[in-house]
Amino acid sequence: MTDRFAGRVGLVTGAARPRGIGRATALRLAAEGADVACLDIARPYPDAPGHGVASQDDLDSLVAEIGAMGRQATGVRADVSDADEVTAAVRDATDALGPITLVANVAGGSGFGFGLGPLLNLAESEFRRVLDVNVIGTWLVSRACAAAMLEAGVGGRICNVSSQAGKRAFPMLGAYCSAKAAVILLTQTMALELGPAGIAVNAVCPGTVDTDLTNPNGMLAAAMGGEEGLRSFIRREIPLGRLQTAEEIAAAVCWLLSDDATGVTGEALNVSAGQTMV
């Protein structure tokens, strides 16, 4: 690992879930020299108690792991779809670590039993929750962090996690596809508006990633009729012949946050093992 983020402060949303993209991103930033604010709701959604989220213990363990790497870290709790909570979290993170110039908007998703199903049968509350977390949350966190960058007169870099589902339709994932497509256009609009201030904004579009959100307790295989069904899907759909890892997505996020990508803004980079090529 290099020290390409030495002296920088990053904020990662959706950071605490075990085996998650957010956690892998926070650890990668720290491994490359950044101090990291780890933001997570770290509590169940009151309207979706069965939806898998991280716990306070998960958040605390991430902060401790980063500290053991010799970097500073702070854990902040916030529902990214709540403007007041986001404002307070960004303020607290800045007070603890200093000005934030690297932002990874990872919080979001859909999943088994939440926002999943035919659009005609989906509850309005579920559709709204998927939009709130993925789109409104990305906007609120980006707005708060970019406003601080502008006030300080410094540039920065923002990377939003969209999805291959933001570029192509998948049945039973209509709310998620809609939200992730919105994240791409949000990314491009922010890139246009913030570019003159030296703030680059990009997105990554993962494919099928083996995380606790996408594949909790092996449910991906169960949904495909068993392990052979999953293997058949992988052979048919993914040219590299395997599910992706959270660490692979984190590597792409961190590249877009780094000075190695200074000429890149407004992009929605596929990181899908070839599953999506548009």
Protein backbone atom coordinates (compact mmCIF):
# COMPACT_ATOMS: atom_id res chain seq x y z
CA MET A 1 0.00 0.00 0.00
CA THR A 2 1.08 3.59 -0.63
CA ASP A 3 0.53 6.68 1.51
CA ARG A 4 -1.34 8.52 -1.22
CA PHE A 5 -3.95 9.79 1.27
CA ALA A 6 -1.48 10.91 3.94
CA GLY A 7 -2.68 14.08 5.65
CA ARG A 8 -6.19 13.75 4.24
CA VAL A 9 -9.49 13.12 5.99
CA GLY A 10 -12.09 10.88 4.42
CA LEU A 11 -15.72 10.25 5.29
CA VAL A 12 -17.34 6.94 4.37
CA THR A 13 -21.07 6.35 4.70
CA GLY A 14 -22.53 2.91 5.28
CA ALA A 15 -19.17 2.11 6.79
CA ALA A 16 -19.84 -0.38 9.54
CA ARG A 17 -21.57 -3.43 8.08
CA PRO A 18 -19.35 -6.53 8.23
CA ARG A 19 -18.22 -7.69 4.75
CA GLY A 20 -19.57 -4.47 3.29
CA ILE A 21 -18.23 -2.12 0.62
CA GLY A 22 -18.28 0.77 3.08
CA ARG A 23 -16.16 -1.05 5.64
CA ALA A 24 -13.69 -2.18 2.97
CA THR A 25 -13.45 1.41 1.70
CA ALA A 26 -12.83 2.85 5.15
CA LEU A 27 -10.08 0.30 5.79
CA ARG A 28 -8.49 0.90 2.39
CA LEU A 29 -8.41 4.67 2.93
CA ALA A 30 -6.79 4.18 6.32
CA ALA A 31 -4.28 1.68 4.94
CA GLU A 32 -3.23 4.34 2.43
CA GLY A 33 -2.74 7.04 5.04
CA ALA A 34 -6.09 8.77 5.58
CA ASP A 35 -7.84 9.50 8.83
CA VAL A 36 -11.40 8.28 8.46
CA ALA A 37 -14.82 9.33 9.70
CA CYS A 38 -16.99 6.21 9.68
CA LEU A 39 -20.65 7.11 9.29
CA ASP A 40 -23.39 4.54 9.71
CA ILE A 41 -26.97 4.44 10.90
CA ALA A 42 -25.91 1.63 13.27
CA ARG A 43 -29.49 0.98 14.33
CA PRO A 44 -32.50 -0.74 12.75
CA TYR A 45 -34.84 1.23 10.53
CA PRO A 46 -38.06 1.69 12.51
CA ASP A 47 -40.13 1.02 9.38
CA ALA A 48 -38.03 -1.97 8.29
CA PRO A 49 -36.86 -3.81 11.41
CA GLY A 50 -35.86 -6.90 9.46
CA HIS A 51 -33.60 -5.07 7.02
CA GLY A 52 -29.98 -5.88 7.72
CA VAL A 53 -28.02 -2.94 9.08
CA ALA A 54 -24.87 -2.60 11.10
CA SER A 55 -24.86 -2.31 14.88
CA GLN A 56 -23.13 0.08 17.23
CA ASP A 57 -20.68 -2.73 18.03
CA ASP A 58 -19.87 -3.05 14.31
CA LEU A 59 -19.16 0.67 14.12
CA ASP A 60 -17.02 0.63 17.26
CA SER A 61 -14.99 -2.33 16.01
CA LEU A 62 -14.26 -0.56 12.72
CA VAL A 63 -13.02 2.54 14.52
CA ALA A 64 -10.81 0.34 16.71
CA GLU A 65 -9.45 -1.53 13.69
CA ILE A 66 -8.48 1.71 11.97
CA GLY A 67 -6.90 2.98 15.18
CA ALA A 68 -4.81 -0.19 15.36
CA MET A 69 -3.48 0.71 11.90
CA GLY A 70 -2.04 3.93 13.32
CA ARG A 71 -4.65 6.22 11.83
CA GLN A 72 -7.24 8.39 13.52
CA ALA A 73 -10.88 7.42 13.18
CA THR A 74 -14.21 8.47 14.57
CA GLY A 75 -17.59 6.80 14.38
CA VAL A 76 -20.64 8.97 13.75
CA ARG A 77 -24.21 7.71 13.65
CA ALA A 78 -26.70 9.14 11.20
CA ASP A 79 -29.56 8.18 8.94
CA VAL A 80 -28.24 9.61 5.67
CA SER A 81 -31.79 10.42 4.53
CA ASP A 82 -32.25 12.81 7.50
CA ALA A 83 -30.83 16.27 6.79
CA ASP A 84 -30.41 17.25 10.45
CA GLU A 85 -28.61 14.02 11.30
CA VAL A 86 -26.30 14.39 8.30
CA THR A 87 -25.44 17.99 9.18
CA ALA A 88 -24.63 17.01 12.76
CA ALA A 89 -22.59 13.99 11.69
CA VAL A 90 -20.44 15.95 9.23
CA ARG A 91 -19.90 18.67 11.86
CA ASP A 92 -18.91 16.12 14.51
CA ALA A 93 -16.59 14.30 12.10
CA THR A 94 -14.89 17.56 11.13
CA ASP A 95 -14.48 18.58 14.76
CA ALA A 96 -12.87 15.22 15.52
CA LEU A 97 -10.55 14.83 12.53
CA GLY A 98 -10.34 18.09 10.61
CA PRO A 99 -11.64 19.21 7.20
CA ILE A 100 -13.06 16.41 5.05
CA THR A 101 -11.84 16.38 1.45
CA LEU A 102 -12.55 12.76 0.51
CA VAL A 103 -16.13 11.45 0.52
CA ALA A 104 -17.32 7.94 -0.28
CA ASN A 105 -21.10 7.67 -0.39
CA VAL A 106 -21.61 3.94 0.07
CA ALA A 107 -24.78 3.84 2.21
CA GLY A 108 -27.71 2.54 0.23
CA GLY A 109 -28.89 -0.65 -1.31
CA SER A 110 -31.97 -2.78 -1.39
CA GLY A 111 -32.12 -6.40 -0.48
CA PHE A 112 -34.03 -9.52 0.42
CA GLY A 113 -37.43 -8.51 1.74
CA PHE A 114 -36.88 -4.76 1.31
CA GLY A 115 -37.64 -2.91 -1.92
CA LEU A 116 -37.66 -6.23 -3.74
CA GLY A 117 -40.56 -7.37 -5.90
CA PRO A 118 -42.70 -6.48 -8.91
CA LEU A 119 -43.21 -2.74 -9.18
CA LEU A 120 -46.97 -3.14 -9.26
CA ASN A 121 -46.91 -4.92 -5.91
CA LEU A 122 -44.27 -2.88 -4.13
CA ALA A 123 -45.41 -0.87 -1.13
CA GLU A 124 -45.02 2.87 -1.51
CA SER A 125 -43.14 3.04 1.78
CA GLU A 126 -40.53 0.57 0.51
CA PHE A 127 -40.06 2.41 -2.78
CA ARG A 128 -39.63 5.69 -0.93
CA ARG A 129 -37.15 4.20 1.52
CA VAL A 130 -34.96 2.90 -1.33
CA LEU A 131 -34.98 6.36 -2.93
CA ASP A 132 -34.41 8.10 0.39
CA VAL A 133 -31.33 6.11 1.37
CA ASN A 134 -29.73 5.83 -2.07
CA VAL A 135 -30.53 9.17 -3.68
CA ILE A 136 -31.49 11.64 -0.96
CA GLY A 137 -28.77 10.29 1.32
CA THR A 138 -26.09 10.63 -1.34
CA TRP A 139 -27.21 14.17 -2.07
CA LEU A 140 -27.41 15.27 1.56
CA VAL A 141 -23.96 13.96 2.49
CA SER A 142 -22.38 15.35 -0.69
CA ARG A 143 -24.07 18.71 -0.13
CA ALA A 144 -22.84 19.01 3.45
CA CYS A 145 -19.28 18.00 2.65
CA ALA A 146 -18.99 20.01 -0.56
CA ALA A 147 -20.36 23.13 1.17
CA ALA A 148 -17.57 22.84 3.74
CA MET A 149 -14.99 22.41 0.99
CA LEU A 150 -16.30 25.49 -0.80
CA GLU A 151 -16.31 27.56 2.38
CA ALA A 152 -12.73 26.54 3.13
CA GLY A 153 -11.66 27.23 -0.45
CA VAL A 154 -10.22 23.77 -0.91
CA GLY A 155 -10.91 21.14 -3.52
CA GLY A 156 -11.85 17.59 -2.87
CA ARG A 157 -13.13 14.36 -4.33
CA ILE A 158 -16.46 12.58 -3.95
CA CYS A 159 -17.23 9.04 -5.08
CA ASN A 160 -20.79 7.73 -5.05
CA VAL A 161 -21.63 4.05 -5.16
CA SER A 162 -24.24 3.49 -7.86
CA SER A 163 -24.69 0.05 -9.43
CA GLN A 164 -24.85 -1.78 -12.71
CA ALA A 165 -28.58 -1.64 -11.92
CA GLY A 166 -28.37 2.08 -12.57
CA LYS A 167 -27.48 1.32 -16.19
CA ARG A 168 -29.72 -1.65 -17.00
CA ALA A 169 -33.05 -2.96 -15.80
CA PHE A 170 -33.41 -5.99 -13.56
CA PRO A 171 -36.82 -7.51 -12.82
CA MET A 172 -37.88 -7.37 -9.17
CA LEU A 173 -35.41 -4.52 -8.55
CA GLY A 174 -37.35 -1.60 -9.99
CA ALA A 175 -36.97 0.68 -6.98
CA TYR A 176 -33.25 -0.05 -6.74
CA CYS A 177 -32.68 0.42 -10.48
CA SER A 178 -34.52 3.75 -10.37
CA ALA A 179 -32.51 4.95 -7.38
CA LYS A 180 -29.13 3.93 -8.74
CA ALA A 181 -29.86 5.51 -12.13
CA ALA A 182 -30.66 8.72 -10.27
CA VAL A 183 -27.33 8.49 -8.45
CA ILE A 184 -25.50 8.50 -11.79
CA LEU A 185 -27.24 11.67 -13.01
CA LEU A 186 -26.80 13.26 -9.59
CA THR A 187 -23.08 12.48 -9.84
CA GLN A 188 -22.79 14.05 -13.28
CA THR A 189 -24.71 17.18 -12.29
CA MET A 190 -22.58 17.66 -9.18
CA ALA A 191 -19.46 17.18 -11.30
CA LEU A 192 -20.58 20.01 -13.59
CA GLU A 193 -21.51 22.33 -10.76
CA LEU A 194 -18.55 21.66 -8.46
CA GLY A 195 -15.78 21.16 -11.00
CA PRO A 196 -14.89 24.87 -11.22
CA ALA A 197 -14.17 24.79 -7.46
CA GLY A 198 -11.77 21.88 -7.85
CA ILE A 199 -14.17 19.24 -6.55
CA ALA A 200 -14.35 16.08 -8.65
CA VAL A 201 -17.39 13.82 -8.40
CA ASN A 202 -17.53 10.29 -9.78
CA ALA A 203 -19.43 7.06 -9.26
CA VAL A 204 -18.69 3.37 -9.35
CA CYS A 205 -21.17 0.79 -10.62
CA PRO A 206 -20.57 -2.59 -8.98
CA GLY A 207 -21.97 -5.83 -10.31
CA THR A 208 -22.90 -8.81 -8.13
CA VAL A 209 -20.83 -8.44 -4.98
CA ASP A 210 -20.59 -11.04 -2.23
CA THR A 211 -21.54 -8.91 0.78
CA ASP A 212 -23.86 -9.33 3.73
CA LEU A 213 -26.30 -7.01 1.96
CA THR A 214 -26.39 -8.84 -1.38
CA ASN A 215 -25.77 -12.34 -0.15
CA PRO A 216 -26.75 -12.65 3.52
CA ASN A 217 -26.27 -16.16 4.83
CA GLY A 218 -25.97 -17.53 1.30
CA MET A 219 -29.43 -16.30 0.28
CA LEU A 220 -28.24 -15.53 -3.25
CA ALA A 221 -27.79 -19.22 -3.92
CA ALA A 222 -31.13 -20.01 -2.27
CA ALA A 223 -32.87 -17.50 -4.53
CA MET A 224 -31.37 -19.26 -7.56
CA GLY A 225 -32.39 -22.75 -6.55
CA GLY A 226 -29.17 -23.77 -4.83
CA GLU A 227 -25.43 -23.66 -5.35
CA GLU A 228 -25.63 -25.15 -8.83
CA GLY A 229 -28.11 -22.46 -9.82
CA LEU A 230 -25.72 -19.79 -8.57
CA ARG A 231 -22.79 -21.38 -10.43
CA SER A 232 -24.86 -21.50 -13.60
CA PHE A 233 -25.76 -17.82 -13.21
CA ILE A 234 -22.10 -16.90 -12.74
CA ARG A 235 -20.98 -18.89 -15.79
CA ARG A 236 -23.72 -17.34 -17.90
CA GLU A 237 -23.60 -13.73 -16.72
CA ILE A 238 -20.15 -12.84 -15.37
CA PRO A 239 -17.20 -13.05 -17.77
CA LEU A 240 -14.61 -13.22 -14.99
CA GLY A 241 -16.48 -16.21 -13.62
CA ARG A 242 -17.00 -15.22 -9.99
CA LEU A 243 -18.80 -12.91 -7.62
CA GLN A 244 -16.96 -9.75 -6.74
CA THR A 245 -15.55 -8.81 -3.37
CA ALA A 246 -16.14 -5.68 -1.35
CA GLU A 247 -12.40 -5.03 -1.45
CA GLU A 248 -12.41 -4.88 -5.26
CA ILE A 249 -15.07 -2.18 -5.20
CA ALA A 250 -13.23 -0.31 -2.46
CA ALA A 251 -10.08 -0.29 -4.60
CA ALA A 252 -11.95 1.40 -7.43
CA VAL A 253 -13.57 3.91 -5.07
CA CYS A 254 -10.19 4.80 -3.60
CA TRP A 255 -8.65 5.20 -7.04
CA LEU A 256 -11.35 7.72 -7.94
CA LEU A 257 -10.71 9.52 -4.64
CA SER A 258 -6.98 9.67 -5.25
CA ASP A 259 -4.72 12.05 -7.14
CA ASP A 260 -4.17 9.21 -9.61
CA ALA A 261 -7.59 10.16 -11.01
CA THR A 262 -7.19 13.93 -11.14
CA GLY A 263 -8.36 14.05 -14.75
CA VAL A 264 -11.57 12.14 -14.06
CA THR A 265 -14.92 13.63 -13.09
CA GLY A 266 -18.54 12.90 -13.95
CA GLU A 267 -17.80 9.25 -14.70
CA ALA A 268 -19.84 6.18 -13.72
CA LEU A 269 -17.18 3.47 -13.75
CA ASN A 270 -18.31 -0.13 -14.20
CA VAL A 271 -16.66 -2.45 -11.70
CA SER A 272 -18.73 -5.51 -12.47
CA ALA A 273 -16.33 -8.27 -13.50
CA GLY A 274 -17.68 -7.76 -17.01
CA GLN A 275 -21.32 -8.38 -16.10
CA THR A 276 -22.27 -4.95 -17.43
CA MET A 277 -20.36 -3.26 -20.26
CA VAL A 278 -22.45 -0.22 -21.10
